[in-house]
Amino acid sequence: MITGQLKSKIDKLWEEFWTGGITNPLTVVEQITFLMYARMLDMSEQADEKRSARTNKPFTRRFNDDEQHLRWQNFRHLGAEELYKLVKDELFPYFSKAGDDESTEGAIFNEFMKDAQLMIQKQSLLVKAVEMVNDLPLENSDTKGDLYEYLLSKLTTAGINGQFIRHATLFVQWWK
């Protein structure tokens, strides 16, 4: 169950998008989802690194040596101009190729991310959104599911359904 405090964080993030000029609810949810996914990729990579160090067992990296700058922990503190350029020109193209593996997980991810585009036009909005997504409690899978369901409920309230909901449902399955 999503708490009032977490709802408040999402509502504030939603409001930042609206005041930043992004008023299409589908676009808001999509862009928030992309940013949360970028953070979760890095969180998974960090967990695998710790496990590998503890067990001395290798793992398949999500980010090769030339892609380390695309990790959330390495770009979230960048200034507005540098952050915007990296996210637009490098992170989103990375999303498109990241799901190219043949696994079921890769297929679901690839379906959701194949047309990923940064729709945030204001650098200041991207900086604020990155800060706010960084403060979301994405470590707990139940919380992630509740959080995403709350985002989707905002679409229902706005009268949105159809193709995006189908993609979102696939994403939620992958996410959990």
C-alpha atoms as a PDB file:
ATOM      1  CA  MET A   1       0.000   0.000   0.000  1.00  0.00           C
ATOM      2  CA  ILE A   2       1.350   3.384  -0.970  1.00  0.00           C
ATOM      3  CA  THR A   3       1.743   5.804   1.920  1.00  0.00           C
ATOM      4  CA  GLY A   4       0.630   9.412   2.043  1.00  0.00           C
ATOM      5  CA  GLN A   5       4.251  10.532   2.059  1.00  0.00           C
ATOM      6  CA  LEU A   6       5.055   8.555  -1.093  1.00  0.00           C
ATOM      7  CA  LYS A   7       1.859   9.767  -2.795  1.00  0.00           C
ATOM      8  CA  SER A   8       2.919  13.282  -1.942  1.00  0.00           C
ATOM      9  CA  LYS A   9       6.346  12.753  -3.543  1.00  0.00           C
ATOM     10  CA  ILE A  10       4.757  11.408  -6.724  1.00  0.00           C
ATOM     11  CA  ASP A  11       2.191  14.209  -6.788  1.00  0.00           C
ATOM     12  CA  LYS A  12       4.990  16.781  -6.466  1.00  0.00           C
ATOM     13  CA  LEU A  13       6.961  15.095  -9.236  1.00  0.00           C
ATOM     14  CA  TRP A  14       3.812  15.059 -11.393  1.00  0.00           C
ATOM     15  CA  GLU A  15       3.289  18.760 -10.678  1.00  0.00           C
ATOM     16  CA  GLU A  16       6.895  19.542 -11.693  1.00  0.00           C
ATOM     17  CA  PHE A  17       6.218  17.977 -15.087  1.00  0.00           C
ATOM     18  CA  TRP A  18       2.983  19.918 -15.513  1.00  0.00           C
ATOM     19  CA  THR A  19       4.504  23.243 -14.516  1.00  0.00           C
ATOM     20  CA  GLY A  20       7.494  22.371 -16.730  1.00  0.00           C
ATOM     21  CA  GLY A  21       5.169  22.230 -19.741  1.00  0.00           C
ATOM     22  CA  ILE A  22       4.501  18.492 -20.031  1.00  0.00           C
ATOM     23  CA  THR A  23       0.747  18.159 -19.567  1.00  0.00           C
ATOM     24  CA  ASN A  24       0.005  14.916 -21.399  1.00  0.00           C
ATOM     25  CA  PRO A  25      -0.481  12.329 -18.607  1.00  0.00           C
ATOM     26  CA  LEU A  26       0.903   9.538 -20.829  1.00  0.00           C
ATOM     27  CA  THR A  27       4.096  11.479 -21.412  1.00  0.00           C
ATOM     28  CA  VAL A  28       4.462  12.294 -17.721  1.00  0.00           C
ATOM     29  CA  VAL A  29       4.138   8.634 -16.676  1.00  0.00           C
ATOM     30  CA  GLU A  30       6.399   7.491 -19.493  1.00  0.00           C
ATOM     31  CA  GLN A  31       9.175   9.968 -18.649  1.00  0.00           C
ATOM     32  CA  ILE A  32       8.997   9.232 -14.922  1.00  0.00           C
ATOM     33  CA  THR A  33       9.156   5.515 -15.756  1.00  0.00           C
ATOM     34  CA  PHE A  34      12.255   5.980 -17.912  1.00  0.00           C
ATOM     35  CA  LEU A  35      14.020   7.865 -15.130  1.00  0.00           C
ATOM     36  CA  MET A  36      13.041   5.299 -12.502  1.00  0.00           C
ATOM     37  CA  TYR A  37      14.280   2.553 -14.782  1.00  0.00           C
ATOM     38  CA  ALA A  38      17.639   4.299 -15.253  1.00  0.00           C
ATOM     39  CA  ARG A  39      18.028   4.417 -11.492  1.00  0.00           C
ATOM     40  CA  MET A  40      16.946   0.793 -11.037  1.00  0.00           C
ATOM     41  CA  LEU A  41      19.455  -0.388 -13.663  1.00  0.00           C
ATOM     42  CA  ASP A  42      22.243   1.165 -11.630  1.00  0.00           C
ATOM     43  CA  MET A  43      20.835  -0.203  -8.374  1.00  0.00           C
ATOM     44  CA  SER A  44      20.840  -3.708  -9.879  1.00  0.00           C
ATOM     45  CA  GLU A  45      24.380  -3.232 -11.159  1.00  0.00           C
ATOM     46  CA  GLN A  46      25.525  -2.109  -7.697  1.00  0.00           C
ATOM     47  CA  ALA A  47      23.878  -5.122  -6.043  1.00  0.00           C
ATOM     48  CA  ASP A  48      25.556  -7.481  -8.529  1.00  0.00           C
ATOM     49  CA  GLU A  49      28.927  -5.797  -7.962  1.00  0.00           C
ATOM     50  CA  LYS A  50      28.620  -6.290  -4.209  1.00  0.00           C
ATOM     51  CA  ARG A  51      27.526  -9.915  -4.611  1.00  0.00           C
ATOM     52  CA  SER A  52      30.386 -10.569  -7.029  1.00  0.00           C
ATOM     53  CA  ALA A  53      32.922  -9.032  -4.639  1.00  0.00           C
ATOM     54  CA  ARG A  54      31.553 -11.163  -1.799  1.00  0.00           C
ATOM     55  CA  THR A  55      31.385 -14.450  -3.728  1.00  0.00           C
ATOM     56  CA  ASN A  56      34.187 -13.931  -6.262  1.00  0.00           C
ATOM     57  CA  LYS A  57      31.732 -14.930  -8.996  1.00  0.00           C
ATOM     58  CA  PRO A  58      31.495 -12.889 -12.198  1.00  0.00           C
ATOM     59  CA  PHE A  59      28.225 -11.454 -13.465  1.00  0.00           C
ATOM     60  CA  THR A  60      26.952 -10.036 -16.732  1.00  0.00           C
ATOM     61  CA  ARG A  61      27.390  -6.297 -16.618  1.00  0.00           C
ATOM     62  CA  ARG A  62      24.620  -3.985 -17.739  1.00  0.00           C
ATOM     63  CA  PHE A  63      27.149  -1.217 -18.397  1.00  0.00           C
ATOM     64  CA  ASN A  64      30.466  -1.979 -20.061  1.00  0.00           C
ATOM     65  CA  ASP A  65      33.574   0.089 -19.306  1.00  0.00           C
ATOM     66  CA  ASP A  66      32.669   2.687 -21.942  1.00  0.00           C
ATOM     67  CA  GLU A  67      29.140   3.035 -20.525  1.00  0.00           C
ATOM     68  CA  GLN A  68      29.934   3.642 -16.853  1.00  0.00           C
ATOM     69  CA  HIS A  69      29.069   7.318 -17.218  1.00  0.00           C
ATOM     70  CA  LEU A  70      25.476   6.224 -18.041  1.00  0.00           C
ATOM     71  CA  ARG A  71      24.951   4.850 -14.553  1.00  0.00           C
ATOM     72  CA  TRP A  72      22.592   6.820 -12.356  1.00  0.00           C
ATOM     73  CA  GLN A  73      25.179   7.284  -9.624  1.00  0.00           C
ATOM     74  CA  ASN A  74      27.590   8.802 -12.152  1.00  0.00           C
ATOM     75  CA  PHE A  75      25.268  11.278 -13.856  1.00  0.00           C
ATOM     76  CA  ARG A  76      22.703  12.353 -11.264  1.00  0.00           C
ATOM     77  CA  HIS A  77      24.908  15.170  -9.952  1.00  0.00           C
ATOM     78  CA  LEU A  78      25.740  16.686 -13.331  1.00  0.00           C
ATOM     79  CA  GLY A  79      24.830  20.251 -14.160  1.00  0.00           C
ATOM     80  CA  ALA A  80      21.733  20.946 -16.237  1.00  0.00           C
ATOM     81  CA  GLU A  81      23.360  21.266 -19.664  1.00  0.00           C
ATOM     82  CA  GLU A  82      25.668  18.266 -19.282  1.00  0.00           C
ATOM     83  CA  LEU A  83      22.905  16.114 -17.755  1.00  0.00           C
ATOM     84  CA  TYR A  84      20.453  16.968 -20.514  1.00  0.00           C
ATOM     85  CA  LYS A  85      22.956  16.165 -23.277  1.00  0.00           C
ATOM     86  CA  LEU A  86      23.960  12.851 -21.679  1.00  0.00           C
ATOM     87  CA  VAL A  87      20.382  11.691 -21.050  1.00  0.00           C
ATOM     88  CA  LYS A  88      19.110  12.757 -24.485  1.00  0.00           C
ATOM     89  CA  ASP A  89      22.066  11.721 -26.641  1.00  0.00           C
ATOM     90  CA  GLU A  90      23.434   8.714 -24.773  1.00  0.00           C
ATOM     91  CA  LEU A  91      21.121   7.271 -22.110  1.00  0.00           C
ATOM     92  CA  PHE A  92      17.992   6.998 -24.241  1.00  0.00           C
ATOM     93  CA  PRO A  93      19.885   5.394 -27.163  1.00  0.00           C
ATOM     94  CA  TYR A  94      21.372   2.987 -24.579  1.00  0.00           C
ATOM     95  CA  PHE A  95      17.824   2.063 -23.506  1.00  0.00           C
ATOM     96  CA  SER A  96      17.017   1.107 -27.091  1.00  0.00           C
ATOM     97  CA  LYS A  97      19.915  -1.315 -27.343  1.00  0.00           C
ATOM     98  CA  ALA A  98      19.852  -2.601 -23.740  1.00  0.00           C
ATOM     99  CA  GLY A  99      16.891  -4.880 -24.396  1.00  0.00           C
ATOM    100  CA  ASP A 100      18.450  -6.624 -27.380  1.00  0.00           C
ATOM    101  CA  ASP A 101      19.144  -9.868 -25.524  1.00  0.00           C
ATOM    102  CA  GLU A 102      17.044 -12.943 -26.253  1.00  0.00           C
ATOM    103  CA  SER A 103      15.720 -13.520 -22.726  1.00  0.00           C
ATOM    104  CA  THR A 104      12.066 -13.067 -21.822  1.00  0.00           C
ATOM    105  CA  GLU A 105      13.105 -10.173 -19.587  1.00  0.00           C
ATOM    106  CA  GLY A 106      15.002  -8.620 -22.511  1.00  0.00           C
ATOM    107  CA  ALA A 107      12.022  -9.075 -24.838  1.00  0.00           C
ATOM    108  CA  ILE A 108       9.638  -7.340 -22.413  1.00  0.00           C
ATOM    109  CA  PHE A 109      12.121  -4.545 -21.857  1.00  0.00           C
ATOM    110  CA  ASN A 110      12.810  -4.186 -25.575  1.00  0.00           C
ATOM    111  CA  GLU A 111       9.081  -3.938 -26.341  1.00  0.00           C
ATOM    112  CA  PHE A 112       8.650  -1.173 -23.797  1.00  0.00           C
ATOM    113  CA  MET A 113      11.834   0.756 -24.572  1.00  0.00           C
ATOM    114  CA  LYS A 114      12.205   0.384 -28.347  1.00  0.00           C
ATOM    115  CA  ASP A 115      10.835   3.869 -29.032  1.00  0.00           C
ATOM    116  CA  ALA A 116      12.096   5.586 -25.877  1.00  0.00           C
ATOM    117  CA  GLN A 117      12.610   9.308 -26.345  1.00  0.00           C
ATOM    118  CA  LEU A 118      13.383  12.074 -23.934  1.00  0.00           C
ATOM    119  CA  MET A 119      10.346  14.346 -24.104  1.00  0.00           C
ATOM    120  CA  ILE A 120      11.582  16.704 -21.411  1.00  0.00           C
ATOM    121  CA  GLN A 121      12.617  19.875 -23.202  1.00  0.00           C
ATOM    122  CA  LYS A 122      13.633  22.004 -20.228  1.00  0.00           C
ATOM    123  CA  GLN A 123      16.996  21.230 -18.691  1.00  0.00           C
ATOM    124  CA  SER A 124      15.828  22.530 -15.318  1.00  0.00           C
ATOM    125  CA  LEU A 125      12.888  20.101 -15.343  1.00  0.00           C
ATOM    126  CA  LEU A 126      15.206  17.180 -16.051  1.00  0.00           C
ATOM    127  CA  VAL A 127      17.473  18.171 -13.153  1.00  0.00           C
ATOM    128  CA  LYS A 128      14.490  18.458 -10.800  1.00  0.00           C
ATOM    129  CA  ALA A 129      12.981  15.159 -12.009  1.00  0.00           C
ATOM    130  CA  VAL A 130      16.302  13.337 -11.516  1.00  0.00           C
ATOM    131  CA  GLU A 131      16.576  14.753  -7.982  1.00  0.00           C
ATOM    132  CA  MET A 132      13.020  13.719  -7.141  1.00  0.00           C
ATOM    133  CA  VAL A 133      13.314  10.219  -8.645  1.00  0.00           C
ATOM    134  CA  ASN A 134      16.526   9.784  -6.690  1.00  0.00           C
ATOM    135  CA  ASP A 135      14.518  10.357  -3.482  1.00  0.00           C
ATOM    136  CA  LEU A 136      11.932   7.651  -4.270  1.00  0.00           C
ATOM    137  CA  PRO A 137      12.251   4.403  -2.258  1.00  0.00           C
ATOM    138  CA  LEU A 138      12.882   2.050  -5.188  1.00  0.00           C
ATOM    139  CA  GLU A 139      14.748  -0.574  -3.154  1.00  0.00           C
ATOM    140  CA  ASN A 140      11.613  -2.502  -2.150  1.00  0.00           C
ATOM    141  CA  SER A 141       9.788  -4.375  -4.934  1.00  0.00           C
ATOM    142  CA  ASP A 142       6.397  -4.022  -3.220  1.00  0.00           C
ATOM    143  CA  THR A 143       6.886  -0.268  -2.966  1.00  0.00           C
ATOM    144  CA  LYS A 144       7.945  -0.102  -6.629  1.00  0.00           C
ATOM    145  CA  GLY A 145       4.809  -1.939  -7.671  1.00  0.00           C
ATOM    146  CA  ASP A 146       2.590   0.270  -5.509  1.00  0.00           C
ATOM    147  CA  LEU A 147       4.317   3.366  -6.810  1.00  0.00           C
ATOM    148  CA  TYR A 148       3.829   2.373 -10.423  1.00  0.00           C
ATOM    149  CA  GLU A 149       0.210   1.400  -9.823  1.00  0.00           C
ATOM    150  CA  TYR A 150      -0.342   4.855  -8.337  1.00  0.00           C
ATOM    151  CA  LEU A 151       1.174   6.432 -11.448  1.00  0.00           C
ATOM    152  CA  LEU A 152      -1.120   4.317 -13.630  1.00  0.00           C
ATOM    153  CA  SER A 153      -4.119   5.330 -11.515  1.00  0.00           C
ATOM    154  CA  LYS A 154      -3.382   8.900 -12.533  1.00  0.00           C
ATOM    155  CA  LEU A 155      -3.878   7.792 -16.139  1.00  0.00           C
ATOM    156  CA  THR A 156      -7.195   6.192 -15.288  1.00  0.00           C
ATOM    157  CA  THR A 157      -8.265   9.407 -13.598  1.00  0.00           C
ATOM    158  CA  ALA A 158      -7.314  11.265 -16.770  1.00  0.00           C
ATOM    159  CA  GLY A 159      -9.375   8.823 -18.864  1.00  0.00           C
ATOM    160  CA  ILE A 160      -6.367   7.234 -20.573  1.00  0.00           C
ATOM    161  CA  ASN A 161      -6.310   3.581 -21.597  1.00  0.00           C
ATOM    162  CA  GLY A 162      -5.413   1.371 -24.549  1.00  0.00           C
ATOM    163  CA  GLN A 163      -1.967   0.688 -25.979  1.00  0.00           C
ATOM    164  CA  PHE A 164       0.007   2.496 -23.279  1.00  0.00           C
ATOM    165  CA  ILE A 165      -1.725   0.551 -20.516  1.00  0.00           C
ATOM    166  CA  ARG A 166      -0.783  -2.691 -22.315  1.00  0.00           C
ATOM    167  CA  HIS A 167       2.857  -1.594 -22.447  1.00  0.00           C
ATOM    168  CA  ALA A 168       2.693  -0.437 -18.844  1.00  0.00           C
ATOM    169  CA  THR A 169       1.326  -3.794 -17.755  1.00  0.00           C
ATOM    170  CA  LEU A 170       4.238  -5.539 -19.486  1.00  0.00           C
ATOM    171  CA  PHE A 171       6.611  -3.167 -17.738  1.00  0.00           C
ATOM    172  CA  VAL A 172       5.069  -3.837 -14.324  1.00  0.00           C
ATOM    173  CA  GLN A 173       5.469  -7.587 -14.919  1.00  0.00           C
ATOM    174  CA  TRP A 174       9.130  -7.078 -15.754  1.00  0.00           C
ATOM    175  CA  TRP A 175       9.625  -4.627 -12.877  1.00  0.00           C
ATOM    176  CA  LYS A 176       8.430  -7.007 -10.154  1.00  0.00           C
END
